[in-house]
Protein backbone atom coordinates (compact mmCIF):
# COMPACT_ATOMS: atom_id res chain seq x y z
CA MET A 1 80.54 127.78 131.05
CA ASN A 2 79.27 125.27 133.64
CA GLN A 3 76.65 122.76 133.12
CA GLU A 4 74.12 124.81 135.23
CA ILE A 5 74.15 127.85 133.39
CA LYS A 6 74.29 125.89 129.98
CA ASN A 7 70.99 124.37 131.23
CA TYR A 8 69.45 127.32 132.00
CA TYR A 9 70.23 129.18 128.69
CA LEU A 10 68.69 125.64 126.80
CA LYS A 11 65.64 126.02 128.69
CA MET A 12 65.14 129.46 128.34
CA LEU A 13 65.99 129.16 124.68
CA GLU A 14 63.24 126.02 124.61
CA VAL A 15 65.84 123.44 122.94
CA PRO A 16 64.09 120.27 122.47
CA ASP A 17 65.82 117.18 124.44
CA PHE A 18 66.62 115.29 121.38
CA LEU A 19 68.74 118.22 119.79
CA LEU A 20 71.01 117.58 123.36
CA LYS A 21 71.97 114.09 122.61
CA PRO A 22 75.55 113.49 121.67
CA VAL A 23 75.55 112.37 117.85
CA LYS A 24 77.27 109.05 116.97
CA ASN A 25 80.25 109.78 114.59
CA THR A 26 79.27 107.52 111.60
CA LYS A 27 81.49 107.20 108.49
CA VAL A 28 80.06 107.27 105.06
CA LYS A 29 81.27 104.59 102.95
CA ALA A 30 81.85 106.18 99.17
CA ASN A 31 81.39 103.82 96.52
CA LYS A 32 84.77 103.35 94.88
CA ILE A 33 85.42 102.26 91.33
CA ALA A 34 86.45 98.51 90.72
CA ILE A 35 89.11 97.83 88.37
CA LYS A 36 91.56 95.67 87.68
CA CYS A 37 94.42 97.76 86.70
CA LEU A 38 94.52 101.56 87.41
CA ILE A 39 97.55 103.35 85.36
CA ILE A 40 98.26 106.92 86.21
CA GLU A 41 100.23 109.18 84.40
CA SER A 42 101.25 112.60 85.31
CA LYS A 43 99.66 115.68 82.54
CA ILE A 44 101.86 115.37 79.45
CA GLU A 45 101.18 115.97 75.89
CA ASN A 46 101.93 112.48 74.62
CA SER A 47 99.36 111.02 76.98
CA PHE A 48 98.50 107.40 76.82
CA CYS A 49 94.93 108.15 77.75
CA ASN A 50 94.59 108.94 74.15
CA ASP A 51 94.57 107.02 71.04
CA GLY A 52 98.11 107.03 69.75
CA LYS A 53 101.17 105.31 69.83
CA ALA A 54 101.69 105.26 73.12
CA ARG A 55 98.46 103.45 74.13
CA SER A 56 98.60 100.97 71.30
CA PHE A 57 102.36 99.74 73.27
CA LEU A 58 100.80 100.30 76.77
CA LEU A 59 98.02 97.73 75.69
CA LYS A 60 100.07 95.00 73.89
CA MET A 61 102.58 95.29 76.98
CA LEU A 62 99.71 94.84 79.46
CA ASN A 63 97.56 92.16 77.11
CA SER A 64 101.13 90.00 77.23
CA VAL A 65 100.32 89.63 80.89
CA ASP A 66 96.62 89.02 80.86
CA ILE A 67 95.22 92.18 81.35
CA ASN A 68 93.16 93.76 78.54
CA LYS A 69 91.66 97.29 77.48
CA ASN A 70 88.43 96.40 79.54
CA ASP A 71 90.60 95.75 82.66
CA ILE A 72 92.11 98.99 82.85
CA THR A 73 91.36 102.51 83.64
CA CYS A 74 94.13 105.51 82.62
CA ILE A 75 94.04 108.66 84.38
CA GLN A 76 96.28 111.73 84.51
CA VAL A 77 96.71 113.82 87.94
CA ASP A 78 98.96 116.25 89.06
CA THR A 79 101.62 114.79 91.45
CA TYR A 80 99.75 116.76 94.66
CA ASP A 81 96.35 114.70 93.52
CA LEU A 82 97.96 111.22 93.64
CA LYS A 83 96.27 110.07 96.74
CA LYS A 84 92.85 112.04 96.76
CA THR A 85 92.94 110.19 93.48
CA VAL A 86 93.65 106.60 94.11
CA ILE A 87 91.38 106.24 97.14
CA LYS A 88 88.31 106.45 94.71
CA TYR A 89 89.56 103.35 93.05
CA ASN A 90 89.20 99.37 94.29
CA ALA A 91 92.01 98.42 91.89
CA LYS A 92 94.18 95.07 92.21
CA VAL A 93 97.14 96.57 90.77
CA ILE A 94 97.93 100.49 90.82
CA LEU A 95 100.78 101.29 88.26
CA LEU A 96 102.16 104.72 88.06
CA THR A 97 104.36 105.77 85.01
CA ASP A 98 106.17 108.73 86.12
CA LYS A 99 108.97 109.10 88.50
CA LYS A 100 107.86 111.87 90.47
CA PHE A 101 105.10 109.61 91.97
CA LEU A 102 107.43 107.39 93.50
CA LYS A 103 108.37 110.00 96.29
CA LEU A 104 104.65 109.87 97.42
CA SER A 105 104.27 106.17 97.29
CA ASP A 106 105.90 102.66 97.39
CA LYS A 107 103.02 101.09 97.53
CA TYR A 108 102.34 101.24 93.84
CA PHE A 109 104.00 99.11 90.43
CA PHE A 110 106.02 101.81 88.21
CA ILE A 111 106.86 101.32 84.79
CA HIS A 112 108.53 103.88 82.18
CA HIS A 113 106.05 105.80 80.50
CA PRO A 114 105.52 104.09 77.04
CA ASN A 115 107.00 106.92 75.09
CA GLU A 116 110.27 106.44 76.97
CA ILE A 117 110.39 102.82 76.42
CA LEU A 118 109.45 103.53 72.70
CA ASN A 119 112.75 105.82 72.70
CA ASP A 120 114.96 103.77 74.92
CA THR A 121 114.64 100.12 74.11
CA SER A 122 117.09 99.25 77.23
CA LEU A 123 113.87 99.86 79.46
CA LYS A 124 112.10 96.91 77.82
CA ARG A 125 114.00 94.57 80.25
CA ILE A 126 113.06 96.15 83.62
CA THR A 127 109.39 97.14 82.27
CA TRP A 128 108.72 93.23 81.49
CA GLU A 129 110.16 92.20 84.75
CA THR A 130 107.40 94.45 86.61
CA LEU A 131 104.74 93.25 84.28
CA LYS A 132 105.67 89.65 85.51
CA GLU A 133 104.95 90.70 89.18
CA ILE A 134 101.48 92.68 87.91
CA LYS A 135 100.44 89.59 86.37
CA LYS A 136 101.12 87.64 90.08
CA TRP A 137 98.88 90.40 91.69
CA THR A 138 96.16 90.16 88.88
CA LYS A 139 95.05 86.72 89.06
């Protein structure tokens, strides 16, 4: 439709001029949840999001690098929801505890799930090295 015909229809329909002006595309900034450490696991039975051995062990590990219980948020997400979930948070450190998540991003820290570490003590050393790196980022 050419401009002349468009103007004719707009005049006939009595569309006010202010509705014809282009609208600026403004982005709405959503408030993000500020947290020192966001810990993400996939949905499993022995979750560290709930009280239990895994949670206690995770808190001990994080306390060793000066991250206390009040500094963390633990969440469970499905693999396909990781990116949508992460953008809701303003975290200094994001810690993944499931290898499936590693395929999606290399921007985050990874440790084995606390249950895995409790069952296989050989994982403690690599976990400790990761925790030391996390400590550098949270200062």
